[in-house]
Amino acid sequence: QVQLVESGGGSVQAGGSLRLSCAAFGYLDSSYCMGWFRQAPGKEREGVAAINTSGGSAYNADNVKGRFTLFHDNNKNTLYLEMNSLKPEDTAMYYCAAGFTYGGSWRGRTALDPLNYNYWGQGTQVTVSS
């Protein structure tokens, strides 16, 4: 069983920065992909960024490229999302998730599809004012 605990959300003005953290508890070997997703009121949950715990590059959604950076600290079993140049349209509940890849690595759309993920955190709110 895996438990994910998010922290770091809050309220900022447009152009500001926030750093989200996701601590994973339980057994997570190199067969997982971990990612951040977000859901705004009235909208579907969408992938923001994801990375395979086996290593390799992170995959970012087009609307956050150049602004958000994802990295995973294997020693701390923690996933971080550094968010810069925040915009009002980034306002949403942000969720951390982990998905079992069955020994493979997820890429692109697969890594950013919330339907592929098995474990979810409780979410942390990010609000960006104009």
C-alpha atoms as a PDB file:
ATOM      1  CA  GLN A   1       0.000   0.000   0.000  1.00  0.00           C
ATOM      2  CA  VAL A   2       1.229   3.491  -0.843  1.00  0.00           C
ATOM      3  CA  GLN A   3       0.258   6.715   0.886  1.00  0.00           C
ATOM      4  CA  LEU A   4       0.947  10.107  -0.667  1.00  0.00           C
ATOM      5  CA  VAL A   5       0.945  13.305   1.375  1.00  0.00           C
ATOM      6  CA  GLU A   6       1.060  16.661  -0.404  1.00  0.00           C
ATOM      7  CA  SER A   7       2.091  20.024   1.001  1.00  0.00           C
ATOM      8  CA  GLY A   8       3.121  23.468  -0.209  1.00  0.00           C
ATOM      9  CA  GLY A   9      -0.033  24.877  -1.745  1.00  0.00           C
ATOM     10  CA  GLY A  10      -1.211  28.395  -1.058  1.00  0.00           C
ATOM     11  CA  SER A  11      -2.212  31.730  -2.518  1.00  0.00           C
ATOM     12  CA  VAL A  12       0.089  33.891  -4.609  1.00  0.00           C
ATOM     13  CA  GLN A  13      -0.179  36.744  -7.059  1.00  0.00           C
ATOM     14  CA  ALA A  14       0.360  36.241 -10.760  1.00  0.00           C
ATOM     15  CA  GLY A  15       4.034  35.925 -11.551  1.00  0.00           C
ATOM     16  CA  GLY A  16       4.791  34.386  -8.187  1.00  0.00           C
ATOM     17  CA  SER A  17       6.193  30.982  -7.288  1.00  0.00           C
ATOM     18  CA  LEU A  18       5.237  27.990  -5.191  1.00  0.00           C
ATOM     19  CA  ARG A  19       6.850  24.651  -4.460  1.00  0.00           C
ATOM     20  CA  LEU A  20       4.713  21.579  -3.934  1.00  0.00           C
ATOM     21  CA  SER A  21       5.990  18.484  -2.154  1.00  0.00           C
ATOM     22  CA  CYS A  22       4.647  14.949  -2.161  1.00  0.00           C
ATOM     23  CA  ALA A  23       5.996  12.515   0.408  1.00  0.00           C
ATOM     24  CA  ALA A  24       5.440   8.859  -0.440  1.00  0.00           C
ATOM     25  CA  PHE A  25       5.018   6.274   2.318  1.00  0.00           C
ATOM     26  CA  GLY A  26       5.081   2.566   1.622  1.00  0.00           C
ATOM     27  CA  TYR A  27       6.894   0.507  -0.951  1.00  0.00           C
ATOM     28  CA  LEU A  28       7.723   2.338  -4.159  1.00  0.00           C
ATOM     29  CA  ASP A  29      10.345   0.612  -6.241  1.00  0.00           C
ATOM     30  CA  SER A  30      11.532   1.600  -9.707  1.00  0.00           C
ATOM     31  CA  SER A  31       8.358   0.334 -11.326  1.00  0.00           C
ATOM     32  CA  TYR A  32       6.329   3.451 -10.668  1.00  0.00           C
ATOM     33  CA  CYS A  33       5.600   6.698 -12.369  1.00  0.00           C
ATOM     34  CA  MET A  34       4.804   9.645 -10.131  1.00  0.00           C
ATOM     35  CA  GLY A  35       3.137  12.810 -11.198  1.00  0.00           C
ATOM     36  CA  TRP A  36       1.203  15.939 -10.375  1.00  0.00           C
ATOM     37  CA  PHE A  37      -2.297  16.516 -11.628  1.00  0.00           C
ATOM     38  CA  ARG A  38      -4.698  19.385 -11.142  1.00  0.00           C
ATOM     39  CA  GLN A  39      -8.403  19.962 -11.264  1.00  0.00           C
ATOM     40  CA  ALA A  40     -10.157  23.313 -11.421  1.00  0.00           C
ATOM     41  CA  PRO A  41     -13.853  23.670 -10.563  1.00  0.00           C
ATOM     42  CA  GLY A  42     -16.011  22.426 -13.407  1.00  0.00           C
ATOM     43  CA  LYS A  43     -13.072  20.995 -15.324  1.00  0.00           C
ATOM     44  CA  GLU A  44     -11.605  17.537 -15.766  1.00  0.00           C
ATOM     45  CA  ARG A  45      -8.479  16.476 -13.938  1.00  0.00           C
ATOM     46  CA  GLU A  46      -5.419  17.062 -16.111  1.00  0.00           C
ATOM     47  CA  GLY A  47      -1.813  15.956 -16.008  1.00  0.00           C
ATOM     48  CA  VAL A  48       0.742  18.609 -15.133  1.00  0.00           C
ATOM     49  CA  ALA A  49       4.055  16.748 -14.955  1.00  0.00           C
ATOM     50  CA  ALA A  50       5.237  13.193 -14.372  1.00  0.00           C
ATOM     51  CA  ILE A  51       8.447  11.232 -13.980  1.00  0.00           C
ATOM     52  CA  ASN A  52       9.376   7.543 -13.773  1.00  0.00           C
ATOM     53  CA  THR A  53      10.988   6.507 -10.477  1.00  0.00           C
ATOM     54  CA  SER A  54      13.479   4.458 -12.508  1.00  0.00           C
ATOM     55  CA  GLY A  55      14.965   7.740 -13.747  1.00  0.00           C
ATOM     56  CA  GLY A  56      14.905   9.712 -16.949  1.00  0.00           C
ATOM     57  CA  SER A  57      13.348  12.962 -17.996  1.00  0.00           C
ATOM     58  CA  ALA A  58      10.164  14.446 -16.653  1.00  0.00           C
ATOM     59  CA  TYR A  59       7.172  14.989 -18.908  1.00  0.00           C
ATOM     60  CA  ASN A  60       5.418  18.333 -18.663  1.00  0.00           C
ATOM     61  CA  ALA A  61       2.096  19.417 -20.062  1.00  0.00           C
ATOM     62  CA  ASP A  62       2.400  22.011 -22.816  1.00  0.00           C
ATOM     63  CA  ASN A  63       0.721  24.708 -20.738  1.00  0.00           C
ATOM     64  CA  VAL A  64       3.363  24.524 -17.991  1.00  0.00           C
ATOM     65  CA  LYS A  65       6.529  23.967 -20.025  1.00  0.00           C
ATOM     66  CA  GLY A  66       9.203  26.490 -19.201  1.00  0.00           C
ATOM     67  CA  ARG A  67       7.450  27.455 -15.958  1.00  0.00           C
ATOM     68  CA  PHE A  68       7.143  24.262 -13.890  1.00  0.00           C
ATOM     69  CA  THR A  69       9.955  21.891 -12.959  1.00  0.00           C
ATOM     70  CA  LEU A  70       9.453  18.389 -11.606  1.00  0.00           C
ATOM     71  CA  PHE A  71      12.038  16.365  -9.764  1.00  0.00           C
ATOM     72  CA  HIS A  72      12.091  13.270  -7.586  1.00  0.00           C
ATOM     73  CA  ASP A  73      14.379  12.758  -4.599  1.00  0.00           C
ATOM     74  CA  ASN A  74      14.887   8.995  -4.404  1.00  0.00           C
ATOM     75  CA  ASN A  75      16.571   9.193  -0.990  1.00  0.00           C
ATOM     76  CA  LYS A  76      13.636  11.030   0.564  1.00  0.00           C
ATOM     77  CA  ASN A  77      11.018   9.316  -1.608  1.00  0.00           C
ATOM     78  CA  THR A  78       9.584  12.743  -2.260  1.00  0.00           C
ATOM     79  CA  LEU A  79       8.300  14.349  -5.435  1.00  0.00           C
ATOM     80  CA  TYR A  80       8.629  18.109  -5.898  1.00  0.00           C
ATOM     81  CA  LEU A  81       6.952  20.514  -8.296  1.00  0.00           C
ATOM     82  CA  GLU A  82       8.604  23.910  -8.594  1.00  0.00           C
ATOM     83  CA  MET A  83       6.097  26.354 -10.072  1.00  0.00           C
ATOM     84  CA  ASN A  84       7.274  29.724 -11.384  1.00  0.00           C
ATOM     85  CA  SER A  85       5.607  32.524 -13.337  1.00  0.00           C
ATOM     86  CA  LEU A  86       2.246  31.402 -12.030  1.00  0.00           C
ATOM     87  CA  LYS A  87      -0.871  32.509 -13.861  1.00  0.00           C
ATOM     88  CA  PRO A  88      -4.480  32.783 -12.689  1.00  0.00           C
ATOM     89  CA  GLU A  89      -5.323  29.831 -14.951  1.00  0.00           C
ATOM     90  CA  ASP A  90      -3.007  27.678 -12.825  1.00  0.00           C
ATOM     91  CA  THR A  91      -5.524  27.945  -9.992  1.00  0.00           C
ATOM     92  CA  ALA A  92      -6.703  24.443  -9.083  1.00  0.00           C
ATOM     93  CA  MET A  93      -6.503  21.636  -6.577  1.00  0.00           C
ATOM     94  CA  TYR A  94      -3.215  19.861  -7.179  1.00  0.00           C
ATOM     95  CA  TYR A  95      -2.908  16.126  -6.602  1.00  0.00           C
ATOM     96  CA  CYS A  96       0.103  13.876  -6.362  1.00  0.00           C
ATOM     97  CA  ALA A  97      -0.270  10.380  -7.785  1.00  0.00           C
ATOM     98  CA  ALA A  98       1.669   7.182  -8.312  1.00  0.00           C
ATOM     99  CA  GLY A  99       1.030   4.566 -10.965  1.00  0.00           C
ATOM    100  CA  PHE A 100       2.464   1.076 -11.287  1.00  0.00           C
ATOM    101  CA  THR A 101       4.226   0.705 -14.658  1.00  0.00           C
ATOM    102  CA  TYR A 102       4.717  -3.083 -14.487  1.00  0.00           C
ATOM    103  CA  GLY A 103       8.442  -2.755 -15.079  1.00  0.00           C
ATOM    104  CA  GLY A 104       8.193  -0.352 -17.988  1.00  0.00           C
ATOM    105  CA  SER A 105       8.482   3.414 -18.309  1.00  0.00           C
ATOM    106  CA  TRP A 106       5.694   5.759 -19.171  1.00  0.00           C
ATOM    107  CA  ARG A 107       6.175   8.556 -21.645  1.00  0.00           C
ATOM    108  CA  GLY A 108       4.272  11.551 -22.897  1.00  0.00           C
ATOM    109  CA  ARG A 109       0.493  11.215 -22.883  1.00  0.00           C
ATOM    110  CA  THR A 110       0.614   7.927 -20.990  1.00  0.00           C
ATOM    111  CA  ALA A 111       2.553   9.542 -18.154  1.00  0.00           C
ATOM    112  CA  LEU A 112       0.119  12.448 -18.004  1.00  0.00           C
ATOM    113  CA  ASP A 113      -3.112  10.416 -18.152  1.00  0.00           C
ATOM    114  CA  PRO A 114      -4.711  10.321 -14.687  1.00  0.00           C
ATOM    115  CA  LEU A 115      -6.547   7.102 -15.575  1.00  0.00           C
ATOM    116  CA  ASN A 116      -3.239   5.215 -15.431  1.00  0.00           C
ATOM    117  CA  TYR A 117      -2.562   6.090 -11.782  1.00  0.00           C
ATOM    118  CA  ASN A 118      -3.362   3.846  -8.823  1.00  0.00           C
ATOM    119  CA  TYR A 119      -2.616   5.948  -5.748  1.00  0.00           C
ATOM    120  CA  TRP A 120      -3.627   9.529  -4.999  1.00  0.00           C
ATOM    121  CA  GLY A 121      -2.949  12.104  -2.343  1.00  0.00           C
ATOM    122  CA  GLN A 122      -5.616  14.248  -0.729  1.00  0.00           C
ATOM    123  CA  GLY A 123      -4.730  17.349  -2.759  1.00  0.00           C
ATOM    124  CA  THR A 124      -3.403  20.808  -2.014  1.00  0.00           C
ATOM    125  CA  GLN A 125      -5.005  24.042  -3.204  1.00  0.00           C
ATOM    126  CA  VAL A 126      -3.126  26.523  -5.363  1.00  0.00           C
ATOM    127  CA  THR A 127      -4.744  29.910  -5.942  1.00  0.00           C
ATOM    128  CA  VAL A 128      -3.204  32.539  -8.212  1.00  0.00           C
ATOM    129  CA  SER A 129      -4.717  36.013  -8.194  1.00  0.00           C
ATOM    130  CA  SER A 130      -4.347  38.582 -10.959  1.00  0.00           C
END
